[in-house]
Structures are given as structure tokens and as C-alpha cells.
């Protein structure tokens, strides 16, 4: 299965989900890409909002793990995911599921935990699985808006992380 990971970072999260196998990772940070390569991930430096270097209908699976909230133009990244996926291919996405509890936990994490790590790559958008946020569409609505059919949803970490598996029809 040809697998594309958007915003692969250092590849650690991806390798926890998929311990082995061929993956193409895309990220902008050269340091992170070097670390991903050490985890046997093929990498290209690129913006996930413009994947024009990749052909249409070329992947069976695209993952976007904890990346969408960091993008200036997330809908472009989703549209590009749709374009590079083969028919009946899957997009698996995770993102913070912003609600009151998340806001409290994030404030504590950012002040006392490792949240300062994200100073280099702050959250630009907020998502909630089903409900709109101050940025507009819910995650499900945003996926449907670019043509995906969400098939399965899940929440983790006490509902603070949302996950969706969507299919390209």
C-alpha cells in the first residue's frame, strides 16, 4: 500500500502507528526530515498545502497526524490529500478536539509542560469533531466540503484528540 504522511515531523508518531513499511513523509523542517529518515521514512521537503510534485491518484493511504491545526491553509492540504489519493483510498487524520476541557489542559500544558515545544509551530486553527469553532466548519464538515466521506470517528485522551478515517469515493 502506498502511504503518504503529511507533516511527518521526526517520524516518531507515524512509527508508533505503523512500526514498519514504506512511507513517504512530507514536511518543511529539514531537521525533522533527517530524524524521519533515521526511522526509515522516505522524505521530501515540501508544503502539504501544495503537493503538486506528486501525481494524482497515487496513494492508497494518506495520514495527517496532529498536523492540520498547524497549517495556514488546511482546506488546501485536505484538497491535495483528496487529489493524490486513489479512488476508495483513505485519509486518516488526528487533531486536537477543542472544547472547554481542552482549553484548560492546553493552558496548563503550555505553561508547565512541554507545550513550549510548539512555539516554533503554533496551532493556527482549532477543530472540534462535530461542532463548529470560531474558525468555522467542524472537522467532519471540512472533510465533506472537499469531497471525503467520513467513515469512522474516534476520540482519545479523554476526548481531547479527535480521529477520523475518511474515504475518497
Protein backbone atom coordinates (compact mmCIF):
# COMPACT_ATOMS: atom_id res chain seq x y z
CA UNK A 1 0.00 0.00 0.00
CA UNK A 2 1.46 3.39 -1.00
CA UNK A 3 1.31 5.61 2.08
CA UNK A 4 1.83 9.39 2.30
CA UNK A 5 2.24 11.12 5.67
CA UNK A 6 1.56 14.86 5.75
CA UNK A 7 3.62 16.82 8.27
CA UNK A 8 5.70 13.77 9.14
CA UNK A 9 7.92 15.68 11.59
CA UNK A 10 10.53 13.39 13.08
CA UNK A 11 8.51 10.28 12.14
CA UNK A 12 8.12 9.10 15.72
CA UNK A 13 4.31 9.33 15.83
CA UNK A 14 3.98 7.62 12.48
CA UNK A 15 6.27 4.76 13.54
CA UNK A 16 4.18 4.25 16.69
CA UNK A 17 1.13 3.80 14.45
CA UNK A 18 2.89 1.94 11.64
CA UNK A 19 6.06 0.33 13.04
CA UNK A 20 7.44 -0.66 9.64
CA UNK A 21 6.75 -0.40 5.97
CA UNK A 22 7.24 2.06 3.16
CA UNK A 23 6.03 5.62 3.76
CA UNK A 24 6.66 8.92 2.02
CA UNK A 25 6.74 11.76 4.54
CA UNK A 26 6.35 15.44 3.68
CA UNK A 27 7.44 18.24 5.99
CA UNK A 28 9.04 21.69 5.82
CA UNK A 29 11.52 21.29 8.68
CA UNK A 30 14.87 19.88 7.45
CA UNK A 31 15.93 18.79 10.97
CA UNK A 32 12.73 16.82 11.43
CA UNK A 33 13.10 15.24 7.99
CA UNK A 34 16.58 13.99 8.89
CA UNK A 35 15.18 12.33 12.03
CA UNK A 36 12.35 10.80 9.99
CA UNK A 37 14.91 9.35 7.57
CA UNK A 38 16.65 7.70 10.53
CA UNK A 39 13.32 5.92 11.15
CA UNK A 40 13.39 4.56 7.58
CA UNK A 41 10.82 7.00 6.23
CA UNK A 42 11.44 8.33 2.72
CA UNK A 43 11.07 12.10 2.94
CA UNK A 44 10.62 15.13 0.76
CA UNK A 45 10.79 18.73 1.85
CA UNK A 46 7.54 20.35 0.87
CA UNK A 47 4.45 22.20 1.90
CA UNK A 48 1.49 19.87 2.46
CA UNK A 49 -0.82 22.62 1.15
CA UNK A 50 0.76 22.22 -2.31
CA UNK A 51 1.64 18.66 -3.27
CA UNK A 52 1.94 19.43 -6.99
CA UNK A 53 5.20 17.45 -7.06
CA UNK A 54 3.10 14.31 -6.52
CA UNK A 55 0.86 12.81 -9.22
CA UNK A 56 -2.92 12.49 -8.97
CA UNK A 57 -4.39 9.21 -7.70
CA UNK A 58 -1.07 7.80 -6.50
CA UNK A 59 -1.60 6.74 -2.85
CA UNK A 60 -3.94 4.29 -1.13
CA UNK A 61 -3.46 5.92 2.28
CA UNK A 62 -2.74 9.47 3.43
CA UNK A 63 -2.19 10.23 7.11
CA UNK A 64 -2.25 13.67 8.70
CA UNK A 65 -1.43 13.15 12.37
CA UNK A 66 -1.51 16.23 14.59
CA UNK A 67 -0.71 18.49 11.62
CA UNK A 68 -3.88 20.15 10.32
CA UNK A 69 -4.09 22.60 13.24
CA UNK A 70 -0.64 24.00 12.37
CA UNK A 71 -1.41 24.87 8.74
CA UNK A 72 -2.23 28.31 7.35
CA UNK A 73 -4.49 26.81 4.66
CA UNK A 74 -5.79 23.48 5.99
CA UNK A 75 -8.50 23.13 3.36
CA UNK A 76 -5.82 23.21 0.65
CA UNK A 77 -3.99 20.37 2.41
CA UNK A 78 -7.21 18.33 2.56
CA UNK A 79 -7.95 19.05 -1.11
CA UNK A 80 -4.41 17.98 -2.04
CA UNK A 81 -4.87 14.80 0.02
CA UNK A 82 -8.02 14.09 -1.92
CA UNK A 83 -6.24 14.69 -5.23
CA UNK A 84 -3.29 12.36 -4.55
CA UNK A 85 -5.47 9.55 -3.16
CA UNK A 86 -6.68 6.78 -5.41
CA UNK A 87 -10.41 6.10 -5.58
CA UNK A 88 -11.51 4.32 -2.40
CA UNK A 89 -8.27 5.45 -0.72
CA UNK A 90 -8.29 6.52 2.91
CA UNK A 91 -7.33 9.65 4.78
CA UNK A 92 -6.63 9.14 8.49
CA UNK A 93 -6.42 12.36 10.43
CA UNK A 94 -5.97 13.29 14.08
CA UNK A 95 -6.17 16.74 15.59
CA UNK A 96 -6.89 18.28 18.98
CA UNK A 97 -10.63 18.19 19.69
CA UNK A 98 -11.03 21.69 21.11
CA UNK A 99 -13.57 22.15 23.88
CA UNK A 100 -13.51 23.72 27.35
CA UNK A 101 -11.55 20.85 28.89
CA UNK A 102 -9.02 21.01 26.07
CA UNK A 103 -8.53 24.75 26.59
CA UNK A 104 -7.82 24.25 30.30
CA UNK A 105 -5.45 21.32 29.69
CA UNK A 106 -3.63 23.15 26.89
CA UNK A 107 -3.11 26.24 29.07
CA UNK A 108 -1.56 24.05 31.79
CA UNK A 109 0.50 22.08 29.25
CA UNK A 110 1.78 25.23 27.56
CA UNK A 111 2.74 26.83 30.86
CA UNK A 112 4.14 23.89 32.83
CA UNK A 113 4.66 21.05 30.35
CA UNK A 114 6.28 20.53 27.00
CA UNK A 115 3.84 22.90 25.29
CA UNK A 116 6.66 25.37 24.71
CA UNK A 117 7.90 22.91 22.07
CA UNK A 118 5.12 24.20 19.81
CA UNK A 119 6.33 27.81 19.94
CA UNK A 120 8.06 27.06 16.61
CA UNK A 121 4.87 25.61 15.17
CA UNK A 122 1.82 27.06 16.93
CA UNK A 123 -1.76 25.97 16.49
CA UNK A 124 -3.28 28.30 13.87
CA UNK A 125 -6.72 26.69 13.77
CA UNK A 126 -8.95 24.85 16.20
CA UNK A 127 -11.12 21.88 15.35
CA UNK A 128 -13.92 20.04 17.02
CA UNK A 129 -15.03 16.73 15.61
CA UNK A 130 -18.71 17.62 15.21
CA UNK A 131 -19.16 21.23 16.36
CA UNK A 132 -18.10 24.42 14.66
CA UNK A 133 -15.40 26.53 16.28
CA UNK A 134 -14.60 30.22 15.93
CA UNK A 135 -12.77 29.22 12.72
CA UNK A 136 -15.87 27.83 11.06
CA UNK A 137 -16.56 24.27 9.96
CA UNK A 138 -16.29 21.25 12.20
CA UNK A 139 -13.65 18.70 11.22
CA UNK A 140 -16.33 16.43 9.73
CA UNK A 141 -17.85 19.31 7.71
CA UNK A 142 -14.41 20.39 6.45
CA UNK A 143 -13.69 16.84 5.23
CA UNK A 144 -17.05 16.60 3.49
CA UNK A 145 -16.52 20.03 1.95
CA UNK A 146 -13.51 18.77 -0.07
CA UNK A 147 -15.23 15.53 -1.10
CA UNK A 148 -14.31 12.98 1.57
CA UNK A 149 -16.85 10.65 3.14
CA UNK A 150 -16.02 10.24 6.84
CA UNK A 151 -16.42 6.56 7.73
CA UNK A 152 -15.23 6.27 11.31
CA UNK A 153 -14.60 8.73 14.11
CA UNK A 154 -12.98 8.31 17.47
CA UNK A 155 -11.82 10.35 20.42
CA UNK A 156 -8.81 9.65 22.62
CA UNK A 157 -7.16 11.10 25.71
CA UNK A 158 -10.43 11.86 27.48
CA UNK A 159 -11.93 13.33 24.30
CA UNK A 160 -9.07 15.80 23.77
CA UNK A 161 -7.94 14.26 20.46
CA UNK A 162 -10.26 13.57 17.53
CA UNK A 163 -9.57 11.00 14.86
CA UNK A 164 -11.32 10.41 11.56
CA UNK A 165 -10.97 7.83 8.81
CA UNK A 166 -12.44 9.20 5.60
CA UNK A 167 -12.64 7.67 2.14
CA UNK A 168 -12.32 9.16 -1.33
CA UNK A 169 -15.18 7.92 -3.46
